Amino acid sequence: MVLPRWLAVANRRVLNPLVVRVPTRFSPFSLAHHVGRSSGRLYTTPVAAFRSADGFILAPTYGPSADWVRNVLATSEFTLDHRGRRYRVCNPRLEPRGVVWHDLPVLVRAAMVLLRIDQFLVGQRVD
């Protein structure tokens, strides 16, 4: 069970514009900056992101077919504002929960089980 589509639409119109104004060093969210696969327009989406050994793990809480996930996969890169720093992330791919499980904090694992998130977006950090 990923979060319902109506909640995604509501968040996109109401909550997301507020969240993107909060500096990421003070926010529990990171900001993914990605290019629309059809429009070419730049988008900013609040995401749950976690560091891994060579990059980041992002939780697609609205499912792997969410627009931001599809955009990132189509362009093969994006930038991520995470805890006050901006990173370039490349080679994004969807991975099953078992592959990334050991890199997630324990409380996050519990939340992902409750939400039944079984795929994560993984990307490599480019320094």
C-alpha atoms as a PDB file:
ATOM      1  CA  MET A   1       0.000   0.000   0.000  1.00  0.00           C
ATOM      2  CA  VAL A   2       1.508   3.236  -1.101  1.00  0.00           C
ATOM      3  CA  LEU A   3      -0.151   6.504  -0.181  1.00  0.00           C
ATOM      4  CA  PRO A   4      -3.370   7.186  -2.127  1.00  0.00           C
ATOM      5  CA  ARG A   5      -3.334   9.213  -5.342  1.00  0.00           C
ATOM      6  CA  TRP A   6      -5.784  11.842  -4.017  1.00  0.00           C
ATOM      7  CA  LEU A   7      -3.299  12.610  -1.232  1.00  0.00           C
ATOM      8  CA  ALA A   8      -0.533  13.075  -3.794  1.00  0.00           C
ATOM      9  CA  VAL A   9      -2.656  15.586  -5.693  1.00  0.00           C
ATOM     10  CA  ALA A  10      -3.550  17.449  -2.495  1.00  0.00           C
ATOM     11  CA  ASN A  11       0.076  17.529  -1.358  1.00  0.00           C
ATOM     12  CA  ARG A  12       1.266  18.739  -4.753  1.00  0.00           C
ATOM     13  CA  ARG A  13      -1.104  21.722  -4.582  1.00  0.00           C
ATOM     14  CA  VAL A  14      -1.036  22.570  -0.869  1.00  0.00           C
ATOM     15  CA  LEU A  15       1.813  21.074   1.162  1.00  0.00           C
ATOM     16  CA  ASN A  16       4.648  20.860  -1.367  1.00  0.00           C
ATOM     17  CA  PRO A  17       4.738  24.618  -2.124  1.00  0.00           C
ATOM     18  CA  LEU A  18       5.164  25.240   1.604  1.00  0.00           C
ATOM     19  CA  VAL A  19       7.777  22.536   2.163  1.00  0.00           C
ATOM     20  CA  VAL A  20      10.039  23.716  -0.664  1.00  0.00           C
ATOM     21  CA  ARG A  21      10.367  27.090   1.067  1.00  0.00           C
ATOM     22  CA  VAL A  22      11.882  25.564   4.225  1.00  0.00           C
ATOM     23  CA  PRO A  23      15.676  25.220   4.058  1.00  0.00           C
ATOM     24  CA  THR A  24      16.569  21.523   3.840  1.00  0.00           C
ATOM     25  CA  ARG A  25      18.910  21.700   6.819  1.00  0.00           C
ATOM     26  CA  PHE A  26      15.837  22.367   8.996  1.00  0.00           C
ATOM     27  CA  SER A  27      13.427  20.043   7.211  1.00  0.00           C
ATOM     28  CA  PRO A  28      12.866  16.296   7.522  1.00  0.00           C
ATOM     29  CA  PHE A  29      12.501  16.278   3.727  1.00  0.00           C
ATOM     30  CA  SER A  30      15.054  16.576   0.961  1.00  0.00           C
ATOM     31  CA  LEU A  31      14.258  18.325  -2.312  1.00  0.00           C
ATOM     32  CA  ALA A  32      14.653  16.498  -5.619  1.00  0.00           C
ATOM     33  CA  HIS A  33      15.135  18.836  -8.589  1.00  0.00           C
ATOM     34  CA  HIS A  34      14.258  17.024 -11.805  1.00  0.00           C
ATOM     35  CA  VAL A  35      13.301  17.742 -15.397  1.00  0.00           C
ATOM     36  CA  GLY A  36       9.901  16.769 -16.785  1.00  0.00           C
ATOM     37  CA  ARG A  37      10.227  13.926 -19.271  1.00  0.00           C
ATOM     38  CA  SER A  38       7.747  15.522 -21.717  1.00  0.00           C
ATOM     39  CA  SER A  39       7.706  19.196 -20.853  1.00  0.00           C
ATOM     40  CA  GLY A  40      11.392  19.754 -20.162  1.00  0.00           C
ATOM     41  CA  ARG A  41      10.273  21.925 -17.244  1.00  0.00           C
ATOM     42  CA  LEU A  42      12.239  21.967 -13.977  1.00  0.00           C
ATOM     43  CA  TYR A  43      10.338  20.560 -10.984  1.00  0.00           C
ATOM     44  CA  THR A  44      11.128  20.454  -7.280  1.00  0.00           C
ATOM     45  CA  THR A  45       9.615  17.658  -5.212  1.00  0.00           C
ATOM     46  CA  PRO A  46       9.953  17.057  -1.451  1.00  0.00           C
ATOM     47  CA  VAL A  47      11.148  13.488  -0.894  1.00  0.00           C
ATOM     48  CA  ALA A  48      12.274  11.196   1.907  1.00  0.00           C
ATOM     49  CA  ALA A  49      15.972  10.625   1.175  1.00  0.00           C
ATOM     50  CA  PHE A  50      18.604   8.700   3.090  1.00  0.00           C
ATOM     51  CA  ARG A  51      22.363   8.462   2.606  1.00  0.00           C
ATOM     52  CA  SER A  52      23.895   5.198   1.460  1.00  0.00           C
ATOM     53  CA  ALA A  53      27.539   4.212   1.011  1.00  0.00           C
ATOM     54  CA  ASP A  54      27.827   5.735  -2.476  1.00  0.00           C
ATOM     55  CA  GLY A  55      24.704   7.847  -2.864  1.00  0.00           C
ATOM     56  CA  PHE A  56      21.118   8.106  -1.768  1.00  0.00           C
ATOM     57  CA  ILE A  57      18.022   6.000  -1.227  1.00  0.00           C
ATOM     58  CA  LEU A  58      14.696   7.725  -1.861  1.00  0.00           C
ATOM     59  CA  ALA A  59      11.339   6.349  -0.767  1.00  0.00           C
ATOM     60  CA  PRO A  60       8.659   6.691  -3.460  1.00  0.00           C
ATOM     61  CA  THR A  61       5.788   6.957  -0.984  1.00  0.00           C
ATOM     62  CA  TYR A  62       3.272   7.429  -3.814  1.00  0.00           C
ATOM     63  CA  GLY A  63       4.617   4.423  -5.696  1.00  0.00           C
ATOM     64  CA  PRO A  64       7.149   3.845  -8.452  1.00  0.00           C
ATOM     65  CA  SER A  65       4.809   5.323 -11.058  1.00  0.00           C
ATOM     66  CA  ALA A  66       4.778   8.779  -9.412  1.00  0.00           C
ATOM     67  CA  ASP A  67       5.675  11.531 -11.874  1.00  0.00           C
ATOM     68  CA  TRP A  68       8.889  12.527 -10.100  1.00  0.00           C
ATOM     69  CA  VAL A  69      10.136   8.918 -10.138  1.00  0.00           C
ATOM     70  CA  ARG A  70       9.348   8.534 -13.829  1.00  0.00           C
ATOM     71  CA  ASN A  71      11.047  11.873 -14.596  1.00  0.00           C
ATOM     72  CA  VAL A  72      14.203  10.927 -12.719  1.00  0.00           C
ATOM     73  CA  LEU A  73      14.389   7.513 -14.381  1.00  0.00           C
ATOM     74  CA  ALA A  74      13.847   9.038 -17.825  1.00  0.00           C
ATOM     75  CA  THR A  75      16.619  11.630 -17.505  1.00  0.00           C
ATOM     76  CA  SER A  76      19.052   9.384 -15.570  1.00  0.00           C
ATOM     77  CA  GLU A  77      20.044  12.162 -13.182  1.00  0.00           C
ATOM     78  CA  PHE A  78      18.758  14.806 -10.788  1.00  0.00           C
ATOM     79  CA  THR A  79      19.993  17.092  -8.058  1.00  0.00           C
ATOM     80  CA  LEU A  80      19.114  16.626  -4.413  1.00  0.00           C
ATOM     81  CA  ASP A  81      19.141  19.220  -1.637  1.00  0.00           C
ATOM     82  CA  HIS A  82      19.836  17.136   1.449  1.00  0.00           C
ATOM     83  CA  ARG A  83      20.566  18.584   4.894  1.00  0.00           C
ATOM     84  CA  GLY A  84      21.734  21.918   3.595  1.00  0.00           C
ATOM     85  CA  ARG A  85      23.891  20.653   0.710  1.00  0.00           C
ATOM     86  CA  ARG A  86      23.179  20.074  -2.966  1.00  0.00           C
ATOM     87  CA  TYR A  87      24.248  16.822  -4.604  1.00  0.00           C
ATOM     88  CA  ARG A  88      24.182  15.603  -8.173  1.00  0.00           C
ATOM     89  CA  VAL A  89      22.765  12.093  -8.332  1.00  0.00           C
ATOM     90  CA  CYS A  90      23.108   9.850 -11.369  1.00  0.00           C
ATOM     91  CA  ASN A  91      22.201   6.338 -12.495  1.00  0.00           C
ATOM     92  CA  PRO A  92      18.884   6.215 -10.625  1.00  0.00           C
ATOM     93  CA  ARG A  93      17.171   2.847 -10.539  1.00  0.00           C
ATOM     94  CA  LEU A  94      14.402   1.115  -8.665  1.00  0.00           C
ATOM     95  CA  GLU A  95      15.562  -1.553  -6.242  1.00  0.00           C
ATOM     96  CA  PRO A  96      13.561  -3.978  -4.099  1.00  0.00           C
ATOM     97  CA  ARG A  97      13.369  -3.381  -0.363  1.00  0.00           C
ATOM     98  CA  GLY A  98      15.804  -6.183   0.466  1.00  0.00           C
ATOM     99  CA  VAL A  99      18.645  -4.529  -1.444  1.00  0.00           C
ATOM    100  CA  VAL A 100      18.502  -1.249   0.520  1.00  0.00           C
ATOM    101  CA  TRP A 101      17.072  -2.416   3.838  1.00  0.00           C
ATOM    102  CA  HIS A 102      20.377  -2.456   5.738  1.00  0.00           C
ATOM    103  CA  ASP A 103      21.087   1.187   4.753  1.00  0.00           C
ATOM    104  CA  LEU A 104      17.815   2.563   6.160  1.00  0.00           C
ATOM    105  CA  PRO A 105      17.407   3.770   9.765  1.00  0.00           C
ATOM    106  CA  VAL A 106      15.398   1.413  11.983  1.00  0.00           C
ATOM    107  CA  LEU A 107      12.462   3.821  12.434  1.00  0.00           C
ATOM    108  CA  VAL A 108      12.310   4.380   8.684  1.00  0.00           C
ATOM    109  CA  ARG A 109      12.187   0.617   8.131  1.00  0.00           C
ATOM    110  CA  ALA A 110       9.170   0.403  10.421  1.00  0.00           C
ATOM    111  CA  ALA A 111       7.393   3.204   8.542  1.00  0.00           C
ATOM    112  CA  MET A 112       8.145   1.602   5.180  1.00  0.00           C
ATOM    113  CA  VAL A 113       6.716  -1.717   6.382  1.00  0.00           C
ATOM    114  CA  LEU A 114       3.534   0.025   7.558  1.00  0.00           C
ATOM    115  CA  LEU A 115       3.203   1.830   4.212  1.00  0.00           C
ATOM    116  CA  ARG A 116       4.112  -1.366   2.326  1.00  0.00           C
ATOM    117  CA  ILE A 117       6.795   0.395   0.327  1.00  0.00           C
ATOM    118  CA  ASP A 118       8.651  -2.396  -1.433  1.00  0.00           C
ATOM    119  CA  GLN A 119      10.671  -0.488  -4.045  1.00  0.00           C
ATOM    120  CA  PHE A 120      13.125   2.342  -3.521  1.00  0.00           C
ATOM    121  CA  LEU A 121      14.858   4.729  -5.879  1.00  0.00           C
ATOM    122  CA  VAL A 122      18.623   4.388  -5.545  1.00  0.00           C
ATOM    123  CA  GLY A 123      21.153   6.734  -7.118  1.00  0.00           C
ATOM    124  CA  GLN A 124      24.886   7.355  -6.990  1.00  0.00           C
ATOM    125  CA  ARG A 125      26.263  10.631  -5.660  1.00  0.00           C
ATOM    126  CA  VAL A 126      28.584  12.480  -8.053  1.00  0.00           C
ATOM    127  CA  ASP A 127      31.206  14.536  -6.238  1.00  0.00           C
END
